[in-house]
Every structure is written in structure tokens, then in C-alpha cells.
Protein backbone atom coordinates (compact mmCIF):
# COMPACT_ATOMS: atom_id res chain seq x y z
CA PHE A 1 -41.58 38.30 29.21
CA ASN A 2 -44.27 37.56 31.82
CA SER A 3 -42.58 39.96 34.23
CA CYS A 4 -43.78 42.92 32.20
CA CYS A 5 -47.35 41.75 32.08
CA ALA A 6 -47.25 41.02 35.79
CA LEU A 7 -46.69 44.75 36.29
CA GLY A 8 -50.09 45.46 34.79
CA ALA A 9 -51.45 47.11 31.67
CA ALA A 10 -50.19 50.53 32.71
CA ALA A 11 -46.55 49.37 32.64
CA CYS A 12 -46.99 47.72 29.25
CA GLY A 13 -48.87 50.67 27.82
CA ALA A 14 -46.17 53.09 28.89
CA LEU A 15 -44.13 52.29 25.79
CA PRO A 16 -44.44 54.98 23.11
CA ASP A 17 -46.11 53.71 19.96
CA PRO A 18 -42.97 53.77 17.72
CA ALA A 19 -41.07 51.60 20.21
CA ARG A 20 -43.55 48.72 20.18
CA ARG A 21 -42.44 45.48 18.53
CA GLN A 22 -45.25 43.26 17.35
CA CYS A 23 -45.71 39.98 19.21
CA GLY A 24 -47.53 37.50 16.99
CA ASN A 25 -49.82 37.89 14.04
CA VAL A 26 -51.64 41.14 13.36
CA MET A 27 -55.03 39.60 14.23
CA VAL A 28 -53.96 38.02 17.51
CA SER A 29 -56.58 38.28 20.26
CA ARG A 30 -56.08 39.76 23.72
CA ASP A 31 -56.15 36.34 25.38
CA GLU A 32 -53.69 34.89 22.86
CA CYS A 33 -51.41 37.88 23.41
CA ILE A 34 -51.36 37.49 27.19
CA GLU A 35 -50.86 33.74 26.85
CA ARG A 36 -47.68 34.47 24.88
CA GLY A 37 -46.42 36.60 27.74
CA CYS A 38 -46.72 39.81 25.73
CA CYS A 39 -48.40 43.16 26.34
CA TRP A 40 -51.87 44.17 25.13
CA HIS A 41 -52.78 47.79 24.60
CA PRO A 42 -54.91 48.73 21.56
CA SER A 43 -54.00 51.74 19.47
CA TRP A 44 -55.96 53.88 17.02
CA SER A 45 -53.17 53.57 14.47
CA PRO A 46 -53.26 50.53 12.16
CA TRP A 47 -49.45 50.44 12.23
CA VAL A 48 -49.06 50.27 15.99
CA PRO A 49 -49.41 46.69 17.26
CA ALA A 50 -51.95 46.05 19.99
CA CYS A 51 -49.96 42.98 21.05
CA TYR A 52 -46.27 43.72 21.49
CA HIS A 53 -43.10 42.58 23.18
CA PRO A 54 -42.45 44.33 26.49
CA GLY A 55 -39.48 46.64 26.28
CA PRO A 56 -38.61 48.90 23.35
CA GLU A 57 -36.63 48.03 20.23
CA ALA A 58 -34.52 44.88 20.03
CA LYS A 59 -31.74 45.08 22.61
CA TRP A 60 -29.10 43.34 20.58
CA PRO A 61 -26.38 43.63 19.46
CA THR A 62 -25.45 43.42 23.13
CA ALA A 63 -21.74 43.29 22.34
CA GLY A 64 -21.92 45.68 19.39
CA GLU A 65 -18.67 45.66 17.48
CA ALA A 66 -17.29 43.16 19.99
CA GLY A 67 -19.70 40.53 18.69
CA THR A 68 -19.59 38.45 15.51
CA ILE A 69 -22.25 37.48 12.95
CA VAL A 70 -22.01 34.26 10.94
CA GLN A 71 -23.72 33.94 7.57
CA LEU A 72 -25.01 30.38 7.17
CA PHE A 73 -25.64 30.76 3.45
CA GLU A 74 -28.44 28.55 2.09
CA TRP A 75 -28.68 26.41 5.22
CA SER A 76 -32.05 24.84 5.99
CA TRP A 77 -34.00 26.19 8.96
CA ILE A 78 -33.61 22.89 10.81
CA ASP A 79 -29.86 22.94 10.25
CA VAL A 80 -29.60 26.57 11.38
CA ALA A 81 -31.49 25.78 14.59
CA ASN A 82 -29.25 22.81 15.31
CA GLU A 83 -26.16 24.91 14.64
CA CYS A 84 -27.33 27.62 17.04
CA GLU A 85 -27.80 25.06 19.81
CA ASN A 86 -24.77 22.88 19.15
CA GLU A 87 -22.12 25.29 17.86
CA LEU A 88 -22.85 28.99 17.57
CA ALA A 89 -23.93 29.77 21.13
CA ALA A 90 -21.02 27.87 22.65
CA ALA A 91 -18.52 29.52 20.29
CA GLY A 92 -19.78 32.99 21.21
CA PHE A 93 -21.36 34.08 17.91
CA GLU A 94 -23.81 36.87 18.62
CA ALA A 95 -26.00 36.44 15.56
CA VAL A 96 -26.66 34.22 12.57
CA GLN A 97 -27.57 35.66 9.17
CA VAL A 98 -29.91 33.41 7.20
CA SER A 99 -31.04 33.36 3.58
CA PRO A 100 -34.34 34.93 2.47
CA ALA A 101 -37.34 33.16 3.96
CA VAL A 102 -39.98 34.10 1.39
CA GLU A 103 -41.37 32.13 -1.54
CA HIS A 104 -39.09 32.33 -4.60
CA ILE A 105 -38.95 31.07 -8.17
CA ARG A 106 -38.25 27.42 -8.82
CA GLY A 107 -34.77 26.25 -9.75
CA ASP A 108 -31.59 24.86 -8.24
CA GLN A 109 -29.43 27.97 -8.62
CA TRP A 110 -28.53 29.92 -5.48
CA TRP A 111 -29.90 33.17 -6.92
CA THR A 112 -33.43 31.81 -7.14
CA ARG A 113 -33.68 32.75 -3.44
CA TYR A 114 -33.32 36.41 -4.47
CA GLN A 115 -36.23 36.36 -6.92
CA PRO A 116 -39.29 36.50 -4.65
CA VAL A 117 -42.77 35.56 -5.80
CA SER A 118 -44.72 36.29 -2.62
CA PHE A 119 -44.18 36.94 1.08
CA ILE A 120 -45.34 33.45 1.98
CA LEU A 121 -42.73 31.98 4.31
CA GLU A 122 -41.99 28.85 2.29
CA SER A 123 -38.57 28.47 0.69
CA ARG A 124 -35.86 26.00 -0.19
CA SER A 125 -34.70 26.26 3.44
CA GLY A 126 -38.00 24.97 4.79
CA SER A 127 -41.53 25.74 5.87
CA ARG A 128 -43.04 28.62 7.78
CA LEU A 129 -43.28 26.54 10.96
CA GLU A 130 -39.64 25.46 10.63
CA PHE A 131 -38.61 29.10 10.14
CA ILE A 132 -40.47 30.21 13.26
CA ASP A 133 -39.06 27.31 15.26
CA MET A 134 -35.54 28.14 14.10
CA ILE A 135 -35.88 31.69 15.39
CA ARG A 136 -37.24 30.46 18.71
CA ARG A 137 -34.46 27.91 19.20
CA CYS A 138 -31.66 30.33 18.23
CA ASN A 139 -33.03 33.12 20.42
CA ASN A 140 -33.43 30.69 23.32
CA VAL A 141 -29.67 30.09 23.39
CA GLY A 142 -28.79 33.76 22.98
CA VAL A 143 -28.16 33.85 19.21
CA ALA A 144 -29.96 36.63 17.32
CA VAL A 145 -31.28 35.97 13.81
CA VAL A 146 -30.62 38.38 10.93
CA VAL A 147 -33.08 37.59 8.12
CA ASP A 148 -32.01 38.50 4.59
CA THR A 149 -34.99 40.61 3.51
CA LEU A 150 -36.06 41.44 -0.05
CA THR A 151 -37.79 44.82 -0.34
CA ASN A 152 -36.37 46.17 -3.60
CA HIS A 153 -37.74 43.91 -6.30
CA MET A 154 -39.69 40.82 -7.31
CA ALA A 155 -38.92 37.99 -9.74
CA VAL A 156 -38.33 38.30 -13.47
CA GLY A 157 -40.88 36.98 -15.94
CA SER A 158 -43.80 34.68 -15.11
CA GLY A 159 -44.34 31.22 -13.71
CA VAL A 160 -45.11 29.35 -10.50
CA GLY A 161 -43.24 29.82 -7.26
CA ILE A 162 -41.91 27.16 -4.90
CA ALA A 163 -45.14 27.41 -2.81
CA ASN A 164 -47.27 27.19 -5.99
CA SER A 165 -48.08 30.89 -6.23
CA ILE A 166 -48.73 31.98 -9.81
CA PHE A 167 -47.07 35.18 -11.00
CA GLY A 168 -46.96 37.13 -14.25
CA VAL A 169 -44.90 39.92 -15.73
CA ARG A 170 -44.79 42.60 -12.98
CA ASP A 171 -47.87 41.00 -11.45
CA PHE A 172 -47.72 39.07 -8.15
CA PRO A 173 -51.23 38.47 -6.81
CA ALA A 174 -50.06 36.32 -3.90
CA ALA A 175 -47.98 39.26 -2.66
CA GLY A 176 -50.68 41.84 -3.39
CA PHE A 177 -48.64 43.53 -6.13
CA ASN A 178 -49.89 44.52 -9.60
CA PRO A 179 -48.04 46.43 -12.35
CA GLU A 180 -48.80 49.74 -10.63
CA SER A 181 -46.88 48.51 -7.57
CA PHE A 182 -43.63 48.90 -9.52
CA HIS A 183 -41.65 51.75 -10.97
CA HIS A 184 -42.29 51.88 -14.71
CA LEU A 185 -41.99 54.04 -17.78
CA PRO A 186 -44.68 56.74 -18.20
CA GLY A 187 -47.83 55.12 -19.57
CA GLU A 188 -46.10 51.71 -19.84
CA PRO A 189 -46.76 49.73 -16.62
CA LEU A 190 -45.10 46.59 -18.03
CA SER A 191 -41.81 48.30 -18.92
CA ASN A 192 -39.08 50.14 -17.05
CA CYS A 193 -35.58 51.48 -17.48
CA GLY A 194 -32.60 49.37 -16.40
CA VAL A 195 -29.93 50.30 -13.87
CA ASP A 196 -26.93 51.40 -15.93
CA ASP A 197 -25.78 54.78 -14.58
CA MET A 198 -24.13 54.87 -11.15
CA LEU A 199 -23.86 58.66 -11.38
CA SER A 200 -27.67 59.02 -11.39
CA GLU A 201 -29.57 58.52 -8.15
CA TYR A 202 -32.81 58.25 -10.11
CA ASN A 203 -31.45 55.50 -12.35
CA VAL A 204 -29.99 53.53 -9.44
CA GLN A 205 -33.12 53.69 -7.29
CA ARG A 206 -36.03 53.67 -9.74
CA CYS A 207 -34.88 51.44 -12.60
CA ASP A 208 -34.82 47.63 -12.73
CA LEU A 209 -31.68 46.01 -11.32
CA VAL A 210 -30.50 43.27 -13.74
CA GLY A 211 -34.04 43.03 -15.06
CA LEU A 212 -35.73 42.51 -11.67
CA PRO A 213 -39.02 44.50 -11.44
CA ASP A 214 -38.28 47.46 -9.17
CA LEU A 215 -40.88 47.88 -6.42
CA CYS A 216 -42.32 51.35 -5.97
CA THR A 217 -41.02 51.74 -2.44
CA ASP A 218 -42.08 55.38 -2.50
CA CYS A 219 -45.73 54.30 -3.01
CA GLY A 220 -47.80 54.09 0.16
CA PHE A 221 -49.64 50.87 -0.74
CA THR A 222 -46.37 49.11 -1.56
CA GLN A 223 -44.82 50.30 1.70
CA ASN A 224 -47.86 48.93 3.56
CA ILE A 225 -47.40 45.44 2.12
CA ILE A 226 -43.66 45.40 2.79
CA ALA A 227 -44.12 46.69 6.34
CA LYS A 228 -46.73 44.04 7.08
CA HIS A 229 -44.29 41.31 5.95
CA ILE A 230 -41.43 42.73 8.02
CA ALA A 231 -43.66 43.12 11.08
CA GLU A 232 -44.61 39.46 10.84
CA VAL A 233 -40.98 38.33 10.66
CA LEU A 234 -39.99 40.53 13.60
CA SER A 235 -42.86 39.13 15.65
CA PHE A 236 -41.34 35.66 15.82
CA GLY A 237 -38.76 36.48 18.47
CA PRO A 238 -37.20 39.22 20.60
CA GLN A 239 -33.84 38.94 18.82
CA VAL A 240 -34.78 39.17 15.15
CA SER A 241 -33.33 41.69 12.75
CA LEU A 242 -32.96 42.35 9.04
CA ARG A 243 -30.38 42.47 6.32
CA LEU A 244 -31.89 44.73 3.67
CA ASP A 245 -30.79 43.32 0.34
CA ALA A 246 -30.08 45.87 -2.41
CA ALA A 247 -30.68 48.80 -0.04
CA LYS A 248 -28.59 50.96 -2.36
CA HIS A 249 -31.37 50.68 -4.94
CA GLN A 250 -33.99 52.04 -2.54
CA ASN A 251 -34.26 55.64 -1.43
CA PRO A 252 -33.24 55.86 2.26
CA GLU A 253 -36.27 58.01 3.05
CA ASP A 254 -38.54 55.30 1.64
CA LEU A 255 -36.80 52.74 3.83
CA ARG A 256 -37.17 55.04 6.82
CA LEU A 257 -40.94 55.21 6.33
CA ILE A 258 -41.15 51.42 6.19
CA LEU A 259 -38.90 50.83 9.21
CA ASP A 260 -40.69 53.47 11.28
CA ARG A 261 -43.88 51.45 10.91
CA VAL A 262 -42.32 48.33 12.40
CA GLY A 263 -40.56 49.81 15.43
CA LYS A 264 -37.19 50.74 13.91
CA PRO A 265 -35.50 47.33 14.20
CA TRP A 266 -31.75 46.81 14.03
CA VAL A 267 -30.80 46.50 10.36
CA VAL A 268 -27.76 46.06 8.17
CA GLN A 269 -28.20 47.59 4.74
CA GLU A 270 -26.43 46.28 1.65
CA VAL A 271 -24.96 49.31 -0.09
CA TYR A 272 -22.49 48.17 -2.74
CA THR A 273 -20.10 50.78 -4.10
CA SER A 274 -17.01 50.45 -6.24
CA SER A 275 -16.13 54.13 -6.62
CA PRO A 276 -16.35 57.24 -4.42
CA ASP A 277 -17.75 59.02 -7.48
CA GLU A 278 -20.98 57.01 -7.44
CA ARG A 279 -24.04 59.09 -6.61
CA VAL A 280 -25.41 56.69 -3.96
CA GLN A 281 -23.00 56.18 -1.05
CA PRO A 282 -23.17 54.30 2.30
CA SER A 283 -23.19 57.61 4.20
CA MET A 284 -26.75 58.17 2.98
CA TYR A 285 -27.96 55.16 4.99
CA VAL A 286 -26.11 55.30 8.31
CA ASP A 287 -28.94 57.13 10.05
CA LEU A 288 -31.13 54.04 9.53
CA GLY A 289 -28.66 51.52 10.93
CA HIS A 290 -25.54 49.58 10.01
CA VAL A 291 -24.25 49.41 6.43
CA THR A 292 -22.08 46.87 4.61
CA GLU A 293 -18.53 48.14 4.02
CA PHE A 294 -17.31 46.55 0.79
CA TRP A 295 -14.08 48.54 0.88
CA PHE A 296 -13.06 46.64 4.01
CA ALA A 297 -12.91 43.34 2.08
CA ARG A 298 -10.93 44.95 -0.71
CA LYS A 299 -8.38 46.59 1.59
CA VAL A 300 -7.89 43.59 3.90
CA GLY A 301 -7.76 41.33 0.86
CA LEU A 302 -4.80 43.34 -0.44
CA LEU A 303 -3.07 42.96 2.94
CA PHE A 304 -3.17 39.16 2.82
CA VAL A 305 -3.36 38.09 -0.81
CA GLU A 306 0.43 38.59 -1.00
CA PRO A 307 3.13 38.70 1.71
CA GLU A 308 4.92 41.87 2.90
CA GLN A 309 1.80 44.07 2.94
CA LEU A 310 1.17 44.48 6.69
CA CYS A 311 3.37 47.48 7.46
CA GLY A 312 1.20 50.38 8.51
CA VAL A 313 -1.80 48.42 9.79
CA HIS A 314 -1.50 50.28 13.09
CA THR A 315 -3.43 53.06 11.30
CA PHE A 316 -6.08 50.71 9.87
CA GLY A 317 -9.59 52.14 10.04
CA GLU A 318 -11.51 55.15 8.80
CA SER A 319 -8.30 56.88 7.69
CA TRP A 320 -7.98 54.19 5.01
CA GLY A 321 -11.00 55.62 3.20
CA MET A 322 -13.70 53.59 4.93
CA MET A 323 -16.92 54.65 6.64
CA ASP A 324 -17.40 55.12 10.41
CA GLY A 325 -16.46 51.78 11.94
CA HIS A 326 -19.31 51.98 14.45
CA LYS A 327 -21.77 51.73 11.55
CA ALA A 328 -19.82 49.32 9.33
CA VAL A 329 -20.60 45.63 8.91
CA THR A 330 -17.43 44.00 7.63
CA PHE A 331 -16.58 40.77 5.83
CA ILE A 332 -13.83 39.20 3.75
CA ASP A 333 -16.29 37.61 1.33
CA ASN A 334 -20.03 37.05 1.08
CA HIS A 335 -22.33 35.03 -1.16
CA ASP A 336 -22.08 37.61 -3.96
CA THR A 337 -18.38 38.46 -3.86
CA GLN A 338 -17.38 34.79 -3.57
CA ARG A 339 -18.65 34.48 -7.12
CA GLY A 340 -17.15 37.76 -8.31
CA GLU A 341 -14.75 40.34 -6.97
CA ALA A 342 -13.47 38.77 -3.73
CA LEU A 343 -9.68 38.80 -3.55
CA LEU A 344 -9.75 35.96 -1.03
CA THR A 345 -12.16 33.08 -0.37
CA ASN A 346 -11.81 29.72 1.37
CA ARG A 347 -10.20 28.43 -1.83
CA ASN A 348 -7.13 30.50 -0.98
CA GLY A 349 -6.42 28.45 2.14
CA ALA A 350 -4.31 29.96 4.92
CA ALA A 351 -4.13 33.43 3.35
CA TYR A 352 -7.93 33.67 3.46
CA TYR A 353 -8.23 32.38 7.01
CA LEU A 354 -5.54 34.80 8.20
CA ALA A 355 -7.54 37.64 6.65
CA VAL A 356 -10.61 36.48 8.58
CA VAL A 357 -8.50 36.29 11.75
CA PHE A 358 -7.36 39.88 11.17
CA MET A 359 -10.97 40.96 10.64
CA LEU A 360 -11.90 39.44 13.99
CA ALA A 361 -8.86 40.98 15.67
CA THR A 362 -9.20 44.57 14.45
CA PRO A 363 -11.54 46.87 16.39
CA TYR A 364 -12.93 48.34 13.16
CA GLY A 365 -16.50 47.35 12.27
CA TYR A 366 -18.95 44.59 13.13
CA PRO A 367 -17.65 41.42 11.40
CA THR A 368 -19.60 38.77 9.49
CA VAL A 369 -17.96 35.39 8.98
CA MET A 370 -18.95 33.59 5.78
CA SER A 371 -19.99 29.94 5.95
CA SER A 372 -20.45 28.66 2.43
CA PHE A 373 -20.70 25.62 0.19
CA SER A 374 -18.39 24.43 -2.56
CA PHE A 375 -19.25 25.19 -6.17
CA SER A 376 -17.70 24.67 -9.58
CA ASN A 377 -20.07 27.00 -11.39
CA LYS A 378 -20.97 30.39 -9.96
CA ASP A 379 -24.69 29.61 -10.40
CA ASP A 380 -24.55 26.36 -8.44
CA GLY A 381 -27.06 25.93 -5.65
CA PRO A 382 -26.42 24.25 -2.30
CA PRO A 383 -25.58 20.58 -1.71
CA PRO A 384 -28.31 18.29 -0.34
CA TYR A 385 -29.71 18.74 3.15
CA PRO A 386 -29.11 18.04 5.96
CA VAL A 387 -25.91 20.06 6.13
CA GLN A 388 -22.87 17.84 6.51
CA CYS A 389 -19.66 19.83 6.97
CA GLY A 390 -16.98 18.54 4.61
CA GLU A 391 -19.51 17.08 2.20
CA GLY A 392 -19.99 20.06 -0.07
CA TRP A 393 -20.57 22.37 2.89
CA VAL A 394 -17.36 24.26 3.73
CA CYS A 395 -18.38 25.43 7.23
CA GLU A 396 -15.60 28.00 7.57
CA HIS A 397 -17.01 29.14 10.91
CA ARG A 398 -16.22 25.82 12.56
CA ARG A 399 -12.48 26.02 11.89
CA ALA A 400 -10.54 26.42 15.11
CA TRP A 401 -8.86 29.61 13.88
CA ILE A 402 -12.20 31.34 13.36
CA ARG A 403 -14.24 29.79 16.17
CA ASN A 404 -11.66 30.59 18.83
CA MET A 405 -11.10 34.11 17.53
CA VAL A 406 -14.80 34.85 18.08
CA GLY A 407 -14.15 34.39 21.80
CA TRP A 408 -10.94 36.42 21.53
CA ARG A 409 -12.92 39.30 20.02
CA ARG A 410 -15.50 39.24 22.81
CA GLU A 411 -12.69 39.39 25.35
CA ALA A 412 -11.11 42.33 23.50
CA GLY A 413 -14.40 44.19 23.73
CA LYS A 414 -14.43 47.65 22.20
CA ASN A 415 -10.85 48.44 23.16
CA GLU A 416 -8.51 49.98 20.61
CA ALA A 417 -5.49 48.16 19.18
CA THR A 418 -2.20 49.18 20.81
CA ASN A 419 1.35 47.95 21.45
CA PHE A 420 2.14 47.20 17.81
CA THR A 421 5.25 45.18 17.03
CA TYR A 422 6.43 44.48 13.48
CA GLY A 423 8.85 41.83 12.24
CA ASP A 424 9.05 42.54 8.56
CA CYS A 425 6.05 43.65 6.54
CA SER A 426 4.60 40.15 6.67
CA GLN A 427 4.49 40.07 10.47
CA VAL A 428 2.61 42.13 13.03
CA ALA A 429 1.59 41.79 16.66
CA PHE A 430 -0.70 43.97 18.76
CA SER A 431 -2.90 43.89 21.83
CA ARG A 432 -6.39 45.05 22.68
CA SER A 433 -6.55 45.45 26.46
CA THR A 434 -6.74 41.85 27.73
CA ALA A 435 -6.18 40.18 24.35
CA PHE A 436 -3.01 39.82 22.25
CA ILE A 437 -2.27 38.44 18.78
CA ALA A 438 0.79 37.90 16.57
CA ILE A 439 0.25 37.24 12.83
CA ASN A 440 2.80 35.81 10.41
CA ARG A 441 1.80 36.05 6.71
CA ALA A 442 5.27 34.94 5.55
CA PRO A 443 5.32 31.60 3.70
CA GLY A 444 8.25 29.36 4.63
CA GLU A 445 9.42 31.59 7.49
CA GLN A 446 8.72 31.35 11.22
CA TRP A 447 8.67 34.54 13.27
CA SER A 448 10.49 34.63 16.60
CA VAL A 449 9.42 37.73 18.52
CA GLN A 450 9.75 39.16 22.01
CA ALA A 451 6.55 41.22 22.21
CA PHE A 452 4.85 43.38 24.80
CA THR A 453 1.40 41.85 25.26
CA GLY A 454 -0.11 44.27 27.77
CA LEU A 455 -1.46 41.26 29.70
CA PRO A 456 -0.90 40.36 33.35
CA ALA A 457 1.77 37.76 34.10
CA GLY A 458 0.57 34.19 33.67
CA LEU A 459 0.31 31.17 31.44
CA TYR A 460 -2.15 31.53 28.58
CA CYS A 461 -3.69 29.15 26.04
CA ASP A 462 -2.64 29.75 22.46
CA ILE A 463 -6.19 29.71 21.12
CA SER A 464 -4.98 29.48 17.51
CA VAL A 465 -4.45 25.80 18.29
CA SER A 466 -6.87 25.06 21.11
CA ASP A 467 -8.99 26.70 23.79
CA ASN A 468 -9.07 23.51 25.85
CA THR A 469 -7.42 24.83 29.01
CA THR A 470 -6.18 21.40 30.07
CA VAL A 471 -4.17 20.52 26.95
CA CYS A 472 -3.69 23.77 25.00
CA PRO A 473 -0.23 24.93 23.90
CA THR A 474 0.78 27.77 26.17
CA VAL A 475 2.40 31.20 26.09
CA LEU A 476 4.08 32.58 29.21
CA VAL A 477 3.70 36.31 29.89
CA ASN A 478 6.30 37.58 32.35
CA GLU A 479 5.89 40.16 35.12
CA ASP A 480 6.68 42.98 32.68
CA GLY A 481 3.96 41.89 30.24
CA PHE A 482 6.37 40.49 27.62
CA ALA A 483 6.23 37.08 25.97
CA SER A 484 8.69 35.19 23.79
CA ILE A 485 6.71 33.70 20.91
CA LEU A 486 7.51 31.66 17.83
CA VAL A 487 4.79 32.12 15.22
CA PRO A 488 4.70 29.39 12.55
CA GLU A 489 4.68 30.31 8.86
CA MET A 490 1.29 31.44 7.50
CA SER A 491 -0.20 31.27 10.97
CA PHE A 492 -0.73 33.23 14.16
CA VAL A 493 -0.58 33.00 17.95
CA ALA A 494 -3.38 34.52 20.04
CA ILE A 495 -3.97 34.70 23.78
CA HIS A 496 -6.47 36.46 26.02
CA GLN A 497 -7.23 36.78 29.70
CA GLY A 498 -10.43 34.77 29.39
CA CYS A 499 -8.47 31.66 28.42
CA MET A 500 -5.75 30.97 30.97
CA ALA A 501 -4.15 27.52 31.03
CA GLU A 502 -5.28 25.48 34.02
CA ASN A 503 -1.71 25.12 35.30
CA SER A 504 -1.20 28.90 35.19
CA SER A 505 -0.48 28.99 38.91
CA GLU A 506 2.58 26.79 38.51
CA SER A 507 6.03 28.27 39.03
CA PRO A 508 7.37 30.02 35.92
CA GLU A 509 10.64 28.14 36.32
CA ILE A 510 8.99 24.88 35.23
CA VAL A 511 6.87 26.39 32.48
CA ASP A 512 8.16 25.95 28.95
CA TRP A 513 7.11 28.94 26.84
CA MET A 514 8.30 27.03 23.77
CA THR A 515 5.31 24.67 23.93
CA PRO A 516 3.82 26.34 20.83
CA VAL A 517 7.01 25.50 18.91
CA LEU A 518 6.51 21.83 19.66
CA ALA A 519 3.00 22.13 18.33
CA VAL A 520 3.89 23.74 14.99
CA THR A 521 2.76 20.71 13.03
CA ALA A 522 -0.49 20.66 14.96
CA VAL A 523 -1.36 24.26 14.12
CA PHE A 524 -2.50 23.63 10.59
CA ALA A 525 -4.24 20.42 11.54
CA ALA A 526 -6.19 22.28 14.20
CA ALA A 527 -6.81 25.33 12.08
CA PHE A 528 -8.28 23.48 9.14
CA ALA A 529 -10.00 20.62 10.97
CA TYR A 530 -13.62 20.63 12.03
CA VAL A 531 -14.12 20.94 15.76
CA GLU A 532 -16.49 18.89 17.85
CA LEU A 533 -17.87 21.00 20.68
CA SER A 534 -18.35 17.91 22.83
CA SER A 535 -14.71 18.34 23.86
CA HIS A 536 -13.68 20.61 26.74
CA ARG A 537 -14.65 24.22 26.00
CA HIS A 538 -13.72 25.98 29.21
CA CYS A 539 -12.88 29.35 27.64
CA GLN A 540 -16.19 29.68 25.80
CA GLU A 541 -18.51 28.12 28.35
CA SER A 542 -18.32 31.17 30.62
CA SER A 543 -18.98 33.45 27.65
CA LEU A 544 -22.12 31.47 26.79
CA SER A 545 -23.49 31.64 30.33
CA GLU A 546 -22.98 35.41 30.41
CA ARG A 547 -24.81 35.79 27.10
CA LEU A 548 -27.79 33.74 28.25
CA LEU A 549 -28.19 36.00 31.27
CA ARG A 550 -28.82 38.88 28.86
CA VAL A 551 -31.56 37.12 26.87
């Protein structure tokens, strides 16, 4: 960032006020600001930072829909930072979504994280300093951080928070909130209606959601407190963004006023709908940023929960009753739906992982991969820290099928899906410019297919098994762009131009395109085994270096 400051105050001050992103605490001095490599230019407005990052709003997502977010649910800040450095950057993940960072009620249940007590940055995941360091370390390796942000409500009841803040019924002195900071019944500041009518915008956005005190986000003093908290979080790095929890229960104009005060950061808004008849719909929020598309999980879940459902996926997208894909954040499951409506989760084995593969392969939306922990009761909190994959922590994102498809998606870019080939309705293949995939949802049945890949002639790694270019199973694409492929049952074969086998220059006469057949038994072992990134990672290393150049 020093390059901006080296241009002088005039260059830094040229940014319009709404584009400034705060760099450091609100009370940072001029000398401290310059020492951080940021720009200093005082403003008359209390909501325009004097110390700010050079350049306008956050520049990510650099890859847009070609990138992938991973949700490391309930991971500690230290574990998230380590994962960014050791796994996520090398695999090509563009961003990591983390759990709420603010002080919450005490208790072991996962949902305690969603009952805030104050905006103090102390939580089960770690301390304020660990949170800040996590953002720094992730950003330093090119991984953006999406912070799950609570702006709709505070905790139920009274007690003492995890950072020892005392709170009462609709009274949170450590956050600066009193009963008048919340929506309430006329003349009854300690009472409010409950959300129970999805056909009423007023009920959805002004009543208490499952008993949680509903913040008066249309009140100026409440907006000020929320904006100050968000500005602080955004100040910790150039690639920090927000997931707005329960956005559906906040009026979009109220959210706009808050986000305008903090430089209009990139956001994904949680807008849950189960019927097109509901009064509050995702379309009301798209002007503010991206929105969660719950219908995506339902529709893709139906495609993979049973065999023989894939016919017609060449039309998959908005025509299936979903929102504009350029604004949609997609997922197969998340921390809520895992414990409720999800048709598929990691417990469903290969069917679930094939659904995630399809999510990463389709051009629709901006995908989020879930990385969860095992539970026997839907209220269960996380296993002990540090995170140890396989010891209560599922770590779906480390599976070879998912990790390697993140690189496949980056190679596919924003290109549309073309060249569809069907076997029966359990089998489909298609390409996206320089990437090709064949999926077989049929149990107990391999799929032998001669498919047009759209790729140049050459020998490609089947990244469903390995992206190690020296030992990967290979697929030969001939001069006409066709390949003969045998796809194992409940599996897939995927190739892309960014992952050519190292012996691709050898004569086609001595290349055996049936190599994947010989590796059938290895497919499931690779797909469901954890991957150590200390092994050769030729296909992803170049992707990582390109990403770091953009930071």
C-alpha cells in the first residue's frame, strides 16, 4: 500500500468519500496511519474515515463466479489462519467464510455464536488479536475473509457473555444498546411480536425471530453502532467482507444506510425463502450485493439424492426458477440446513460429494463449500481445538474431489457449459471452454462414453483422482477433441487445460487412454481421503502464484 502514499496526499485524497475503506481504528493518528502504509485525509463527516486504504472498495472477488468460498464452520482463528497458508491458497479457494467474531452467550451449543452480547471481538474461536492476525495471514496469501456478521438481533434473556459482559432483557450496555434500541410493542419496550407470518413484511422485519430481540435497524443510533462495528472489522485487511446473517429480517433500505457508511463492501446476504409467495424475496436485496440462493441446494439435491435425475441439466440455471446467477451464492448445505432441510450432507457419501462437484462445475452462481464437524445432536457444538481433520472435524474441502474441482472451476472461468453428452439420466458430460467433466450418478454401473471435450489434443490429468502431473491417471484427447472415457460408478472424470500430464508430448501411439480404468479402485480412496499438500501440486501452484500477483 505504500505506493499510494508515495504519490502524495493529493493522490490519496482523490478518492470520493463513499469509496474510502477505513484502515485501522477510528481514533488512529496521522503518524500511525502513514506507518501502516495507508492514506490520511481528514473529512468533515464523522462517517468518512480520515485514515483509509488506498484504492476504492474491496477488489475481490477477483474471479467472481469462477472462484470458490469455503465455510470453515466454528474453526478457531488460529486454525483458519493455518488452513489459509497450508491448504486454501494452494488449492485455489478465493475466500474463507468464518463464524461470527463477536462476544456471545456462554454454552457449548453451536448456536450460541449467533446470540451476540456485545461487539467485543472475543469468541469461542479466539481473541481479538488472533482474529486480526487470522485476517492478515489469510489476506497475505491471497485468501479473502468473509466474516459472518450479526446485525439483526441480540441474545435472548439475561446473563454474562463469554468476555464477561453483563446483559439483561433487551439491554446490552457493552454494545451500547438499551430497550429503545430494539423494535417493541407500543409502550412496552421489553416486549415485541414474534415472526410468524411470512406474508407480512412488517412481521418478518420488525418482530423477534425465534425470540431473539430484534434490533431497530431503522433507528439512526442503532445504525451508528452497527456501522462502527462493521467499519472496525473491515479495517483489518484489504480483503475482508461480510455475510449478513438473517438479512431477510432487516429492511434492505436500512441495510443500505449502514453499508453506505462503511464504503459499500462486498457482502453476501442470507435471505431464506421456502415459497415464492413469501412477501420478502431475494430480489429485494440484489442491489446491495450477493444473496444466498436456497433453491439451488434444493434443486441440485433432487438431482443427486436418487439416480436417473440428470436429464435436462443442460438448461440448469435461472430458467429453473432461481435468481440471477451473477448475484447468487450457492451451496449444497450450510450450518443451518445440515441440521434441517438439506437433502444431502456429508453423511450421504458419494451422492453428496457428486452434488458438490456439480455445483463447482456449473457456471451458475458463486459456490460455497461447507466444511463441518460431526454431530449426533443438532445442537452439538464443535469438537476440541486445534482442528484435527478426521477427529470430529469432517473437512469436506480437503477431499480430492472437491479440492481439485476448485482448480477446475478457476480454469473454466466464466464460460458457459456446452457440448452436453448424456448416457442415461444418471450420466452427463459437458465442457466449459478449456475444462471438461463427465459425471456418473449410477450405482453399480460404469459409464463408457466417447465424448467431445472441446479441448485441444493432448494427454490430461484426471483430476478426480489426482492433480499430480507426474503420476495422475490420464485421459487422451484426440485431434478432433474427442476422448474415450470410462467413468466409474458414483464417480466422475474431469480434465482441464491447466493440468496436462507431464508426458503429454509423448506419441499418442504409446499412450493408454484406459489408465483411468486401471485406477477405478483408487478413485474412491482418493476422493474420500485427506490430502497432504506437501505432495506435488503442479496444477495448483501456478494458480496460487497468479492469485498472489493480484493481492
